[in-house]
Amino acid sequence: MAKKSEKRKLVGLVSEESGERIYYTHKNTMNTPDKLSLRKYSPKLRRHVIFTETKKSLGRNEVKPRKH
């Protein structure tokens, strides 16, 4: 039998400094409706930086810059 609703979603974490998406995690959308912001290690920069939540996208590893 299929589940009625999925409370936990798979989200990608993007580095604010380098723009790379290397971490993925599950998030309970009922408990934390806001975007996640975690401090994790970036192997590219070789130090800890802030990673923020984006939607899951396995197609590419880099994030496009925003248009102003």
C-alpha atoms as a PDB file:
ATOM      1  CA  MET A   1       0.000   0.000   0.000  1.00  0.00           C
ATOM      2  CA  ALA A   2       1.339   3.434  -0.918  1.00  0.00           C
ATOM      3  CA  LYS A   3       1.994   6.102   1.682  1.00  0.00           C
ATOM      4  CA  LYS A   4      -0.508   8.950   1.841  1.00  0.00           C
ATOM      5  CA  SER A   5       2.017  11.760   2.273  1.00  0.00           C
ATOM      6  CA  GLU A   6       5.750  12.089   2.506  1.00  0.00           C
ATOM      7  CA  LYS A   7       6.733  14.263   5.457  1.00  0.00           C
ATOM      8  CA  ARG A   8      10.462  13.893   4.879  1.00  0.00           C
ATOM      9  CA  LYS A   9      11.911  15.421   1.704  1.00  0.00           C
ATOM     10  CA  LEU A  10      15.348  15.009   0.161  1.00  0.00           C
ATOM     11  CA  VAL A  11      17.087  18.397  -0.152  1.00  0.00           C
ATOM     12  CA  GLY A  12      20.480  19.440  -1.486  1.00  0.00           C
ATOM     13  CA  LEU A  13      22.837  21.707   0.442  1.00  0.00           C
ATOM     14  CA  VAL A  14      24.723  24.389  -1.493  1.00  0.00           C
ATOM     15  CA  SER A  15      27.835  26.199  -0.305  1.00  0.00           C
ATOM     16  CA  GLU A  16      27.322  29.961  -0.031  1.00  0.00           C
ATOM     17  CA  GLU A  17      30.953  30.709  -0.887  1.00  0.00           C
ATOM     18  CA  SER A  18      31.867  28.256  -3.654  1.00  0.00           C
ATOM     19  CA  GLY A  19      28.383  27.410  -4.992  1.00  0.00           C
ATOM     20  CA  GLU A  20      28.975  23.656  -5.051  1.00  0.00           C
ATOM     21  CA  ARG A  21      26.289  21.154  -4.082  1.00  0.00           C
ATOM     22  CA  ILE A  22      27.956  18.186  -2.387  1.00  0.00           C
ATOM     23  CA  TYR A  23      25.727  17.378   0.590  1.00  0.00           C
ATOM     24  CA  TYR A  24      22.212  15.921   0.558  1.00  0.00           C
ATOM     25  CA  THR A  25      19.992  15.358   3.583  1.00  0.00           C
ATOM     26  CA  HIS A  26      16.422  14.496   4.526  1.00  0.00           C
ATOM     27  CA  LYS A  27      14.280  17.181   6.130  1.00  0.00           C
ATOM     28  CA  ASN A  28      10.951  16.897   7.926  1.00  0.00           C
ATOM     29  CA  THR A  29       8.851  19.646   6.332  1.00  0.00           C
ATOM     30  CA  MET A  30       6.277  19.621   9.128  1.00  0.00           C
ATOM     31  CA  ASN A  31       8.808  20.454  11.874  1.00  0.00           C
ATOM     32  CA  THR A  32      11.124  22.753   9.901  1.00  0.00           C
ATOM     33  CA  PRO A  33       9.262  24.685   7.188  1.00  0.00           C
ATOM     34  CA  ASP A  34      12.117  27.219   6.832  1.00  0.00           C
ATOM     35  CA  LYS A  35      15.257  26.622   4.784  1.00  0.00           C
ATOM     36  CA  LEU A  36      18.041  24.665   6.447  1.00  0.00           C
ATOM     37  CA  SER A  37      21.371  26.361   7.024  1.00  0.00           C
ATOM     38  CA  LEU A  38      24.166  24.086   8.246  1.00  0.00           C
ATOM     39  CA  ARG A  39      27.876  24.619   8.805  1.00  0.00           C
ATOM     40  CA  LYS A  40      29.710  21.800   7.021  1.00  0.00           C
ATOM     41  CA  TYR A  41      33.167  21.078   5.617  1.00  0.00           C
ATOM     42  CA  SER A  42      33.906  22.119   2.028  1.00  0.00           C
ATOM     43  CA  PRO A  43      36.708  20.023   0.490  1.00  0.00           C
ATOM     44  CA  LYS A  44      37.123  22.548  -2.316  1.00  0.00           C
ATOM     45  CA  LEU A  45      37.844  25.420   0.109  1.00  0.00           C
ATOM     46  CA  ARG A  46      39.329  23.109   2.771  1.00  0.00           C
ATOM     47  CA  ARG A  47      37.424  24.725   5.656  1.00  0.00           C
ATOM     48  CA  HIS A  48      33.969  24.853   7.226  1.00  0.00           C
ATOM     49  CA  VAL A  49      31.408  27.093   5.504  1.00  0.00           C
ATOM     50  CA  ILE A  50      27.636  27.648   5.608  1.00  0.00           C
ATOM     51  CA  PHE A  51      25.563  25.373   3.367  1.00  0.00           C
ATOM     52  CA  THR A  52      21.956  26.367   2.640  1.00  0.00           C
ATOM     53  CA  GLU A  53      19.054  24.280   1.398  1.00  0.00           C
ATOM     54  CA  THR A  54      17.969  23.999  -2.231  1.00  0.00           C
ATOM     55  CA  LYS A  55      15.752  21.480  -3.907  1.00  0.00           C
ATOM     56  CA  LYS A  56      17.295  18.186  -4.942  1.00  0.00           C
ATOM     57  CA  SER A  57      18.886  18.156  -8.398  1.00  0.00           C
ATOM     58  CA  LEU A  58      21.201  15.298  -9.296  1.00  0.00           C
ATOM     59  CA  GLY A  59      21.763  16.553 -12.844  1.00  0.00           C
ATOM     60  CA  ARG A  60      24.419  19.154 -12.103  1.00  0.00           C
ATOM     61  CA  ASN A  61      26.811  19.896  -9.294  1.00  0.00           C
ATOM     62  CA  GLU A  62      27.166  23.676  -9.733  1.00  0.00           C
ATOM     63  CA  VAL A  63      24.506  26.291  -9.077  1.00  0.00           C
ATOM     64  CA  LYS A  64      23.775  28.963 -11.676  1.00  0.00           C
ATOM     65  CA  PRO A  65      24.170  32.595 -10.514  1.00  0.00           C
ATOM     66  CA  ARG A  66      20.938  34.501  -9.997  1.00  0.00           C
ATOM     67  CA  LYS A  67      19.817  37.105 -12.506  1.00  0.00           C
ATOM     68  CA  HIS A  68      19.255  40.574 -11.051  1.00  0.00           C
END
